[in-house]
């Protein structure tokens, strides 16, 4: 390097050096963006994590249960968590359900019980715990609200106990 203030040959070649690193930087950016997009976000508000507690609450409140089967590294699950499950219209529809999340990797027994083919899978149970409907894979907001509505329509409301009849006249 010269101290005269003029560029030397090594300084003139520095754009070539940057050009050699560009594919590496681009690849690092692509991997970083991929991992950012596929990371597992925090669960949406209002979803419980205990199926037994959800079933008990459902029986007490006479509401159906919607189970979200997910896994930590499931890309469609993450996208649903960031989009569909945070939509206001979905949250409004879920007010008539008891929503609960089950990690299918940690609880394969529960996933097996409900015949979960993969994640994400959503299963609706009646207030007494009987399976009513199931859908697998990513669901748009409109599709998921439609699924919840169809499942809700399949549930017959509990019939009130018959009133005691007055004693027969002698």
N, C-alpha and C. Protein backbone atom coordinates (compact mmCIF):
# COMPACT_ATOMS: atom_id res chain seq x y z
N UNK A 1 0.84 -1.18 0.00
CA UNK A 1 0.00 0.00 0.00
C UNK A 1 0.88 1.23 0.00
N UNK A 2 0.56 2.17 -0.80
CA UNK A 2 1.32 3.40 -0.92
C UNK A 2 0.71 4.46 -0.02
N UNK A 3 1.55 5.28 0.53
CA UNK A 3 1.06 6.36 1.39
C UNK A 3 0.88 7.65 0.60
N UNK A 4 0.85 7.55 -0.68
CA UNK A 4 0.72 8.74 -1.51
C UNK A 4 -0.75 9.11 -1.74
N UNK A 5 -1.65 8.26 -1.28
CA UNK A 5 -3.07 8.55 -1.47
C UNK A 5 -3.62 7.98 -2.75
N UNK A 6 -2.80 7.31 -3.53
CA UNK A 6 -3.27 6.70 -4.77
C UNK A 6 -3.67 5.25 -4.49
N UNK A 7 -4.65 4.76 -5.27
CA UNK A 7 -5.07 3.38 -5.13
C UNK A 7 -4.00 2.45 -5.64
N UNK A 8 -3.80 1.38 -4.93
CA UNK A 8 -2.85 0.36 -5.38
C UNK A 8 -3.64 -0.74 -6.05
N UNK A 9 -2.95 -1.72 -6.57
CA UNK A 9 -3.61 -2.83 -7.25
C UNK A 9 -4.53 -3.60 -6.30
N UNK A 10 -4.13 -3.80 -5.04
CA UNK A 10 -4.97 -4.57 -4.11
C UNK A 10 -6.25 -3.80 -3.78
N UNK A 11 -6.17 -2.48 -3.71
CA UNK A 11 -7.38 -1.71 -3.42
C UNK A 11 -8.30 -1.70 -4.64
N UNK A 12 -7.76 -1.72 -5.80
CA UNK A 12 -8.57 -1.70 -7.02
C UNK A 12 -9.32 -3.02 -7.18
N UNK A 13 -8.79 -4.11 -6.61
CA UNK A 13 -9.43 -5.40 -6.74
C UNK A 13 -10.47 -5.64 -5.65
N UNK A 14 -10.66 -4.79 -4.68
CA UNK A 14 -11.59 -5.07 -3.59
C UNK A 14 -13.02 -5.28 -4.06
N UNK A 15 -13.54 -4.64 -5.13
CA UNK A 15 -14.89 -5.00 -5.59
C UNK A 15 -14.98 -6.46 -6.01
N UNK A 16 -13.89 -7.02 -6.56
CA UNK A 16 -13.89 -8.44 -6.91
C UNK A 16 -14.01 -9.29 -5.64
N UNK A 17 -13.37 -8.87 -4.59
CA UNK A 17 -13.42 -9.60 -3.33
C UNK A 17 -14.85 -9.59 -2.78
N UNK A 18 -15.53 -8.46 -2.88
CA UNK A 18 -16.92 -8.39 -2.45
C UNK A 18 -17.78 -9.28 -3.34
N UNK A 19 -17.51 -9.30 -4.62
CA UNK A 19 -18.26 -10.13 -5.56
C UNK A 19 -18.14 -11.61 -5.24
N UNK A 20 -16.98 -12.04 -4.75
CA UNK A 20 -16.82 -13.43 -4.38
C UNK A 20 -17.65 -13.81 -3.16
N UNK A 21 -17.89 -12.86 -2.28
CA UNK A 21 -18.66 -13.12 -1.06
C UNK A 21 -20.16 -12.97 -1.25
N UNK A 22 -20.57 -12.38 -2.35
CA UNK A 22 -21.99 -12.13 -2.58
C UNK A 22 -22.82 -13.42 -2.56
N UNK A 23 -22.43 -14.51 -3.23
CA UNK A 23 -23.25 -15.73 -3.15
C UNK A 23 -23.36 -16.27 -1.72
N UNK A 24 -22.30 -16.16 -0.95
CA UNK A 24 -22.33 -16.63 0.44
C UNK A 24 -23.29 -15.76 1.26
N UNK A 25 -23.22 -14.46 1.08
CA UNK A 25 -24.11 -13.56 1.80
C UNK A 25 -25.57 -13.78 1.38
N UNK A 26 -25.79 -13.99 0.10
CA UNK A 26 -27.14 -14.25 -0.39
C UNK A 26 -27.69 -15.55 0.19
N UNK A 27 -26.87 -16.58 0.21
CA UNK A 27 -27.28 -17.86 0.77
C UNK A 27 -27.58 -17.73 2.27
N UNK A 28 -26.78 -17.00 2.99
CA UNK A 28 -27.02 -16.77 4.42
C UNK A 28 -28.34 -16.02 4.63
N UNK A 29 -28.61 -15.06 3.78
CA UNK A 29 -29.86 -14.31 3.88
C UNK A 29 -31.06 -15.23 3.62
N UNK A 30 -30.97 -16.07 2.59
CA UNK A 30 -32.07 -16.98 2.26
C UNK A 30 -32.33 -17.95 3.42
N UNK A 31 -31.27 -18.53 3.98
CA UNK A 31 -31.46 -19.43 5.13
C UNK A 31 -32.04 -18.69 6.32
N UNK A 32 -31.56 -17.50 6.58
CA UNK A 32 -32.10 -16.71 7.69
C UNK A 32 -33.56 -16.39 7.49
N UNK A 33 -33.94 -16.01 6.29
CA UNK A 33 -35.35 -15.71 6.01
C UNK A 33 -36.20 -16.96 6.15
N UNK A 34 -35.70 -18.10 5.68
CA UNK A 34 -36.44 -19.36 5.80
C UNK A 34 -36.69 -19.69 7.27
N UNK A 35 -35.67 -19.61 8.10
CA UNK A 35 -35.84 -19.95 9.51
C UNK A 35 -36.71 -18.92 10.24
N UNK A 36 -36.67 -17.67 9.80
CA UNK A 36 -37.55 -16.66 10.39
C UNK A 36 -39.01 -16.98 10.09
N UNK A 37 -39.28 -17.34 8.84
CA UNK A 37 -40.66 -17.61 8.42
C UNK A 37 -41.19 -18.89 9.05
N UNK A 38 -40.34 -19.90 9.22
CA UNK A 38 -40.81 -21.20 9.71
C UNK A 38 -40.67 -21.37 11.21
N UNK A 39 -40.20 -20.38 11.91
CA UNK A 39 -40.08 -20.53 13.37
C UNK A 39 -41.46 -20.64 13.98
N UNK A 40 -41.53 -21.26 15.12
CA UNK A 40 -42.81 -21.44 15.80
C UNK A 40 -43.14 -20.19 16.60
N UNK A 41 -44.19 -19.49 16.24
CA UNK A 41 -44.57 -18.30 17.00
C UNK A 41 -45.25 -18.72 18.30
N UNK A 42 -45.46 -17.78 19.18
CA UNK A 42 -46.19 -18.05 20.40
C UNK A 42 -47.61 -18.46 20.02
N UNK A 43 -48.19 -19.37 20.79
CA UNK A 43 -49.57 -19.78 20.47
C UNK A 43 -50.52 -18.59 20.53
N UNK A 44 -51.55 -18.63 19.71
CA UNK A 44 -52.54 -17.55 19.76
C UNK A 44 -53.20 -17.50 21.14
N UNK A 45 -53.63 -16.33 21.53
CA UNK A 45 -54.28 -16.16 22.83
C UNK A 45 -55.58 -16.95 22.88
N UNK A 46 -55.89 -17.46 24.06
CA UNK A 46 -57.15 -18.16 24.28
C UNK A 46 -57.09 -19.66 24.10
N UNK A 47 -55.98 -20.19 23.60
CA UNK A 47 -55.86 -21.63 23.41
C UNK A 47 -55.23 -22.25 24.64
N UNK A 48 -55.91 -23.23 25.22
CA UNK A 48 -55.37 -23.95 26.36
C UNK A 48 -54.39 -25.01 25.92
N UNK A 49 -53.73 -25.62 26.90
CA UNK A 49 -52.75 -26.66 26.60
C UNK A 49 -53.04 -27.97 27.29
N UNK A 50 -54.18 -28.08 27.98
CA UNK A 50 -54.52 -29.28 28.75
C UNK A 50 -55.85 -29.83 28.24
N UNK A 51 -55.79 -30.95 27.52
CA UNK A 51 -57.00 -31.52 26.93
C UNK A 51 -58.00 -31.95 27.99
N UNK A 52 -57.54 -32.55 29.08
CA UNK A 52 -58.46 -32.98 30.13
C UNK A 52 -59.22 -31.80 30.73
N UNK A 53 -58.51 -30.70 30.97
CA UNK A 53 -59.16 -29.49 31.50
C UNK A 53 -60.15 -28.92 30.49
N UNK A 54 -59.80 -28.98 29.20
CA UNK A 54 -60.70 -28.47 28.16
C UNK A 54 -61.96 -29.32 28.09
N UNK A 55 -61.83 -30.64 28.20
CA UNK A 55 -63.00 -31.52 28.16
C UNK A 55 -63.91 -31.26 29.37
N UNK A 56 -63.31 -31.03 30.51
CA UNK A 56 -64.11 -30.72 31.71
C UNK A 56 -64.85 -29.40 31.54
N UNK A 57 -64.14 -28.39 31.05
CA UNK A 57 -64.75 -27.07 30.81
C UNK A 57 -65.88 -27.19 29.78
N UNK A 58 -65.66 -27.96 28.74
CA UNK A 58 -66.67 -28.13 27.69
C UNK A 58 -67.94 -28.77 28.25
N UNK A 59 -67.77 -29.77 29.10
CA UNK A 59 -68.93 -30.44 29.69
C UNK A 59 -69.70 -29.48 30.61
N UNK A 60 -68.96 -28.68 31.37
CA UNK A 60 -69.61 -27.72 32.28
C UNK A 60 -70.34 -26.62 31.53
N UNK A 61 -69.73 -26.12 30.45
CA UNK A 61 -70.30 -25.00 29.70
C UNK A 61 -71.14 -25.43 28.51
N UNK A 62 -71.22 -26.75 28.27
CA UNK A 62 -71.94 -27.29 27.11
C UNK A 62 -71.47 -26.65 25.80
N UNK A 63 -70.14 -26.57 25.66
CA UNK A 63 -69.52 -26.07 24.44
C UNK A 63 -68.72 -27.20 23.80
N UNK A 64 -68.62 -27.22 22.48
CA UNK A 64 -67.73 -28.20 21.84
C UNK A 64 -66.26 -27.80 22.04
N UNK A 65 -65.40 -28.77 21.89
CA UNK A 65 -63.95 -28.57 22.00
C UNK A 65 -63.38 -28.58 20.59
N UNK A 66 -62.43 -27.69 20.31
CA UNK A 66 -61.67 -27.78 19.07
C UNK A 66 -60.21 -28.00 19.48
N UNK A 67 -59.66 -29.13 19.00
CA UNK A 67 -58.28 -29.49 19.31
C UNK A 67 -57.42 -29.14 18.10
N UNK A 68 -56.34 -28.39 18.33
CA UNK A 68 -55.37 -28.09 17.28
C UNK A 68 -54.15 -28.99 17.52
N UNK A 69 -53.97 -29.98 16.68
CA UNK A 69 -52.78 -30.82 16.76
C UNK A 69 -51.69 -30.15 15.95
N UNK A 70 -50.55 -29.91 16.57
CA UNK A 70 -49.45 -29.21 15.91
C UNK A 70 -48.14 -29.86 16.32
N UNK A 71 -47.07 -29.42 15.70
CA UNK A 71 -45.71 -29.86 16.05
C UNK A 71 -44.80 -28.65 15.95
N UNK A 72 -43.73 -28.63 16.74
CA UNK A 72 -42.85 -27.44 16.78
C UNK A 72 -42.25 -27.02 15.44
N UNK A 73 -41.83 -27.94 14.60
CA UNK A 73 -41.17 -27.57 13.34
C UNK A 73 -42.08 -27.73 12.13
N UNK A 74 -43.37 -27.59 12.34
CA UNK A 74 -44.35 -27.74 11.27
C UNK A 74 -44.60 -26.37 10.64
N UNK A 75 -44.15 -26.21 9.40
CA UNK A 75 -44.31 -24.92 8.70
C UNK A 75 -45.77 -24.50 8.55
N UNK A 76 -46.67 -25.38 8.07
CA UNK A 76 -48.07 -24.96 7.95
C UNK A 76 -48.68 -24.60 9.31
N UNK A 77 -48.23 -25.27 10.38
CA UNK A 77 -48.73 -24.94 11.72
C UNK A 77 -48.32 -23.52 12.09
N UNK A 78 -47.07 -23.18 11.82
CA UNK A 78 -46.57 -21.84 12.13
C UNK A 78 -47.30 -20.77 11.34
N UNK A 79 -47.56 -21.05 10.07
CA UNK A 79 -48.28 -20.08 9.24
C UNK A 79 -49.71 -19.90 9.77
N UNK A 80 -50.36 -21.00 10.14
CA UNK A 80 -51.72 -20.91 10.71
C UNK A 80 -51.69 -20.10 12.00
N UNK A 81 -50.68 -20.34 12.84
CA UNK A 81 -50.57 -19.60 14.10
C UNK A 81 -50.41 -18.10 13.86
N UNK A 82 -49.67 -17.73 12.81
CA UNK A 82 -49.42 -16.31 12.54
C UNK A 82 -50.54 -15.64 11.77
N UNK A 83 -51.35 -16.41 11.06
CA UNK A 83 -52.36 -15.80 10.19
C UNK A 83 -53.77 -16.19 10.59
N UNK A 84 -54.20 -17.36 10.19
CA UNK A 84 -55.58 -17.81 10.37
C UNK A 84 -56.05 -17.73 11.81
N UNK A 85 -55.26 -18.29 12.73
CA UNK A 85 -55.70 -18.37 14.13
C UNK A 85 -55.65 -17.03 14.86
N UNK A 86 -55.10 -16.01 14.24
CA UNK A 86 -55.08 -14.67 14.85
C UNK A 86 -56.11 -13.73 14.22
N UNK A 87 -56.82 -14.22 13.22
CA UNK A 87 -57.83 -13.38 12.55
C UNK A 87 -59.02 -13.15 13.48
N UNK A 88 -59.54 -11.94 13.47
CA UNK A 88 -60.67 -11.58 14.33
C UNK A 88 -61.88 -12.48 14.08
N UNK A 89 -62.17 -12.77 12.81
CA UNK A 89 -63.34 -13.58 12.49
C UNK A 89 -63.19 -15.00 13.05
N UNK A 90 -61.97 -15.53 13.08
CA UNK A 90 -61.72 -16.85 13.66
C UNK A 90 -61.90 -16.78 15.17
N UNK A 91 -61.35 -15.75 15.79
CA UNK A 91 -61.50 -15.61 17.24
C UNK A 91 -62.96 -15.45 17.64
N UNK A 92 -63.75 -14.76 16.83
CA UNK A 92 -65.18 -14.64 17.10
C UNK A 92 -65.86 -16.01 17.01
N UNK A 93 -65.51 -16.79 15.98
CA UNK A 93 -66.10 -18.12 15.82
C UNK A 93 -65.70 -19.05 16.96
N UNK A 94 -64.48 -18.89 17.47
CA UNK A 94 -63.99 -19.76 18.54
C UNK A 94 -64.62 -19.46 19.90
N UNK A 95 -65.35 -18.36 20.01
CA UNK A 95 -65.99 -18.03 21.30
C UNK A 95 -67.02 -19.07 21.70
N UNK A 96 -67.56 -19.82 20.75
CA UNK A 96 -68.54 -20.84 21.09
C UNK A 96 -67.89 -22.23 21.21
N UNK A 97 -66.57 -22.26 21.31
CA UNK A 97 -65.80 -23.50 21.47
C UNK A 97 -64.86 -23.38 22.67
N UNK A 98 -64.33 -24.51 23.09
CA UNK A 98 -63.23 -24.53 24.05
C UNK A 98 -62.00 -24.95 23.24
N UNK A 99 -61.12 -24.00 22.88
CA UNK A 99 -59.96 -24.36 22.05
C UNK A 99 -58.78 -24.85 22.90
N UNK A 100 -58.13 -25.90 22.40
CA UNK A 100 -56.97 -26.47 23.10
C UNK A 100 -55.97 -26.95 22.06
N UNK A 101 -54.69 -26.79 22.38
CA UNK A 101 -53.60 -27.23 21.49
C UNK A 101 -52.96 -28.48 22.07
N UNK A 102 -52.62 -29.42 21.19
CA UNK A 102 -51.93 -30.64 21.59
C UNK A 102 -50.72 -30.81 20.67
N UNK A 103 -49.55 -30.94 21.26
CA UNK A 103 -48.33 -31.19 20.51
C UNK A 103 -48.32 -32.67 20.14
N UNK A 104 -48.52 -32.97 18.87
CA UNK A 104 -48.63 -34.36 18.41
C UNK A 104 -47.34 -35.13 18.61
N UNK A 105 -46.20 -34.45 18.64
CA UNK A 105 -44.92 -35.13 18.86
C UNK A 105 -44.78 -35.56 20.32
N UNK A 106 -45.27 -34.74 21.22
CA UNK A 106 -45.18 -35.06 22.66
C UNK A 106 -46.31 -35.96 23.12
N UNK A 107 -47.44 -35.92 22.43
CA UNK A 107 -48.60 -36.71 22.83
C UNK A 107 -49.12 -37.56 21.67
N UNK A 108 -48.29 -38.50 21.19
CA UNK A 108 -48.74 -39.35 20.08
C UNK A 108 -49.93 -40.23 20.48
N UNK A 109 -50.10 -40.47 21.77
CA UNK A 109 -51.24 -41.26 22.23
C UNK A 109 -52.56 -40.55 21.92
N UNK A 110 -52.59 -39.25 22.17
CA UNK A 110 -53.81 -38.47 21.91
C UNK A 110 -54.01 -38.33 20.39
N UNK A 111 -52.93 -38.05 19.68
CA UNK A 111 -53.03 -37.93 18.21
C UNK A 111 -53.53 -39.24 17.61
N UNK A 112 -53.05 -40.37 18.11
CA UNK A 112 -53.49 -41.67 17.61
C UNK A 112 -54.95 -41.94 17.93
N UNK A 113 -55.38 -41.52 19.12
CA UNK A 113 -56.77 -41.73 19.53
C UNK A 113 -57.74 -41.07 18.56
N UNK A 114 -57.37 -39.90 18.03
CA UNK A 114 -58.25 -39.15 17.14
C UNK A 114 -57.90 -39.32 15.67
N UNK A 115 -56.98 -40.25 15.36
CA UNK A 115 -56.65 -40.55 13.96
C UNK A 115 -56.02 -39.39 13.22
N UNK A 116 -55.12 -38.68 13.88
CA UNK A 116 -54.48 -37.52 13.26
C UNK A 116 -53.49 -37.99 12.19
N UNK A 117 -53.71 -37.59 10.91
CA UNK A 117 -52.84 -38.04 9.83
C UNK A 117 -51.54 -37.25 9.72
N UNK A 118 -51.50 -36.06 10.26
CA UNK A 118 -50.34 -35.18 10.18
C UNK A 118 -50.71 -33.86 10.82
N UNK A 119 -49.80 -32.92 10.76
CA UNK A 119 -50.07 -31.61 11.37
C UNK A 119 -49.97 -30.53 10.32
N UNK A 120 -50.79 -29.49 10.46
CA UNK A 120 -51.80 -29.29 11.49
C UNK A 120 -53.06 -30.10 11.19
N UNK A 121 -53.71 -30.55 12.24
CA UNK A 121 -55.02 -31.20 12.15
C UNK A 121 -55.89 -30.60 13.24
N UNK A 122 -57.14 -30.35 12.90
CA UNK A 122 -58.10 -29.78 13.84
C UNK A 122 -59.25 -30.76 14.00
N UNK A 123 -59.56 -31.09 15.25
CA UNK A 123 -60.63 -32.03 15.56
C UNK A 123 -61.63 -31.32 16.46
N UNK A 124 -62.90 -31.43 16.12
CA UNK A 124 -63.96 -30.86 16.95
C UNK A 124 -64.65 -32.01 17.68
N UNK A 125 -64.81 -31.84 18.99
CA UNK A 125 -65.49 -32.82 19.84
C UNK A 125 -66.76 -32.19 20.38
N UNK A 126 -67.77 -33.00 20.55
CA UNK A 126 -69.00 -32.52 21.18
C UNK A 126 -68.71 -32.23 22.65
N UNK A 127 -69.62 -31.55 23.35
CA UNK A 127 -69.39 -31.27 24.77
C UNK A 127 -69.16 -32.53 25.62
N UNK A 128 -69.66 -33.68 25.14
CA UNK A 128 -69.42 -34.92 25.89
C UNK A 128 -68.18 -35.65 25.40
N UNK A 129 -67.41 -35.07 24.47
CA UNK A 129 -66.13 -35.62 24.05
C UNK A 129 -66.18 -36.50 22.81
N UNK A 130 -67.31 -36.63 22.16
CA UNK A 130 -67.41 -37.45 20.95
C UNK A 130 -66.89 -36.68 19.74
N UNK A 131 -66.06 -37.31 18.90
CA UNK A 131 -65.56 -36.63 17.70
C UNK A 131 -66.71 -36.27 16.74
N UNK A 132 -66.67 -35.05 16.24
CA UNK A 132 -67.72 -34.54 15.34
C UNK A 132 -67.16 -34.27 13.94
N UNK A 133 -65.99 -33.65 13.87
CA UNK A 133 -65.43 -33.26 12.57
C UNK A 133 -63.91 -33.17 12.68
N UNK A 134 -63.26 -33.30 11.53
CA UNK A 134 -61.80 -33.21 11.48
C UNK A 134 -61.38 -32.63 10.15
N UNK A 135 -60.33 -31.81 10.18
CA UNK A 135 -59.75 -31.28 8.95
C UNK A 135 -58.23 -31.25 9.15
N UNK A 136 -57.50 -31.59 8.09
CA UNK A 136 -56.04 -31.62 8.17
C UNK A 136 -55.45 -30.65 7.16
N UNK A 137 -54.29 -30.12 7.50
CA UNK A 137 -53.58 -29.22 6.60
C UNK A 137 -53.89 -27.76 6.86
N UNK A 138 -53.15 -26.91 6.16
CA UNK A 138 -53.34 -25.47 6.30
C UNK A 138 -54.75 -25.09 5.89
N UNK A 139 -55.38 -24.20 6.66
CA UNK A 139 -56.72 -23.71 6.37
C UNK A 139 -56.67 -22.19 6.27
N UNK A 140 -57.25 -21.64 5.23
CA UNK A 140 -57.38 -20.19 5.15
C UNK A 140 -58.38 -19.75 6.20
N UNK A 141 -58.44 -18.47 6.45
CA UNK A 141 -59.39 -17.94 7.43
C UNK A 141 -60.81 -18.34 7.06
N UNK A 142 -61.19 -18.17 5.82
CA UNK A 142 -62.54 -18.50 5.38
C UNK A 142 -62.83 -19.99 5.52
N UNK A 143 -61.88 -20.83 5.12
CA UNK A 143 -62.07 -22.27 5.21
C UNK A 143 -62.20 -22.72 6.67
N UNK A 144 -61.38 -22.14 7.55
CA UNK A 144 -61.41 -22.56 8.95
C UNK A 144 -62.72 -22.13 9.62
N UNK A 145 -63.17 -20.93 9.33
CA UNK A 145 -64.46 -20.47 9.90
C UNK A 145 -65.59 -21.36 9.37
N UNK A 146 -65.53 -21.73 8.10
CA UNK A 146 -66.52 -22.65 7.53
C UNK A 146 -66.49 -24.01 8.20
N UNK A 147 -65.28 -24.52 8.45
CA UNK A 147 -65.12 -25.80 9.15
C UNK A 147 -65.75 -25.74 10.54
N UNK A 148 -65.47 -24.67 11.28
CA UNK A 148 -66.03 -24.53 12.62
C UNK A 148 -67.56 -24.44 12.58
N UNK A 149 -68.09 -23.68 11.62
CA UNK A 149 -69.54 -23.55 11.49
C UNK A 149 -70.21 -24.88 11.15
N UNK A 150 -69.62 -25.62 10.21
CA UNK A 150 -70.17 -26.93 9.85
C UNK A 150 -70.13 -27.90 11.02
N UNK A 151 -69.02 -27.89 11.75
CA UNK A 151 -68.91 -28.77 12.92
C UNK A 151 -69.94 -28.39 13.98
N UNK A 152 -70.09 -27.10 14.19
CA UNK A 152 -71.05 -26.62 15.21
C UNK A 152 -72.47 -27.04 14.84
N UNK A 153 -72.80 -27.03 13.56
CA UNK A 153 -74.16 -27.38 13.13
C UNK A 153 -74.45 -28.86 13.32
N UNK A 154 -73.43 -29.70 13.43
CA UNK A 154 -73.63 -31.14 13.62
C UNK A 154 -73.91 -31.52 15.07
N UNK A 155 -73.73 -30.58 15.96
CA UNK A 155 -73.92 -30.86 17.39
C UNK A 155 -75.35 -30.55 17.77
N UNK A 156 -76.02 -31.55 18.27
CA UNK A 156 -77.39 -31.32 18.72
C UNK A 156 -77.34 -30.78 20.14
N UNK A 157 -78.11 -29.74 20.39
CA UNK A 157 -78.08 -29.18 21.74
C UNK A 157 -78.60 -30.19 22.75
N UNK A 158 -78.05 -30.10 23.95
CA UNK A 158 -78.49 -31.00 25.02
C UNK A 158 -79.95 -30.71 25.35
N UNK A 159 -80.70 -31.76 25.49
CA UNK A 159 -82.11 -31.59 25.83
C UNK A 159 -82.24 -31.42 27.33
N UNK A 160 -83.05 -30.46 27.76
CA UNK A 160 -83.22 -30.29 29.21
C UNK A 160 -83.97 -31.49 29.78
N UNK A 161 -83.71 -31.75 31.04
CA UNK A 161 -84.40 -32.86 31.72
C UNK A 161 -85.89 -32.56 31.74
N UNK A 162 -86.71 -33.58 31.54
CA UNK A 162 -88.16 -33.33 31.54
C UNK A 162 -88.61 -32.87 32.93
N UNK A 163 -89.56 -31.97 32.92
CA UNK A 163 -90.09 -31.47 34.19
C UNK A 163 -90.88 -32.59 34.85
N UNK A 164 -90.85 -32.60 36.16
CA UNK A 164 -91.58 -33.62 36.90
C UNK A 164 -93.08 -33.44 36.65
N UNK A 165 -93.75 -34.51 36.38
CA UNK A 165 -95.19 -34.46 36.15
C UNK A 165 -95.92 -34.35 37.49
N UNK A 166 -97.03 -33.62 37.50
CA UNK A 166 -97.78 -33.53 38.75
C UNK A 166 -98.35 -34.92 39.08
N UNK A 167 -98.51 -35.20 40.35
CA UNK A 167 -99.06 -36.52 40.71
C UNK A 167 -100.46 -36.70 40.12
N UNK A 168 -100.75 -37.90 39.72
CA UNK A 168 -102.04 -38.20 39.12
C UNK A 168 -103.15 -38.06 40.18
N UNK A 169 -104.30 -37.56 39.74
CA UNK A 169 -105.45 -37.38 40.68
C UNK A 169 -106.03 -38.75 41.02
N UNK A 170 -106.41 -38.97 42.30
CA UNK A 170 -106.97 -40.30 42.65
C UNK A 170 -108.36 -40.48 42.17
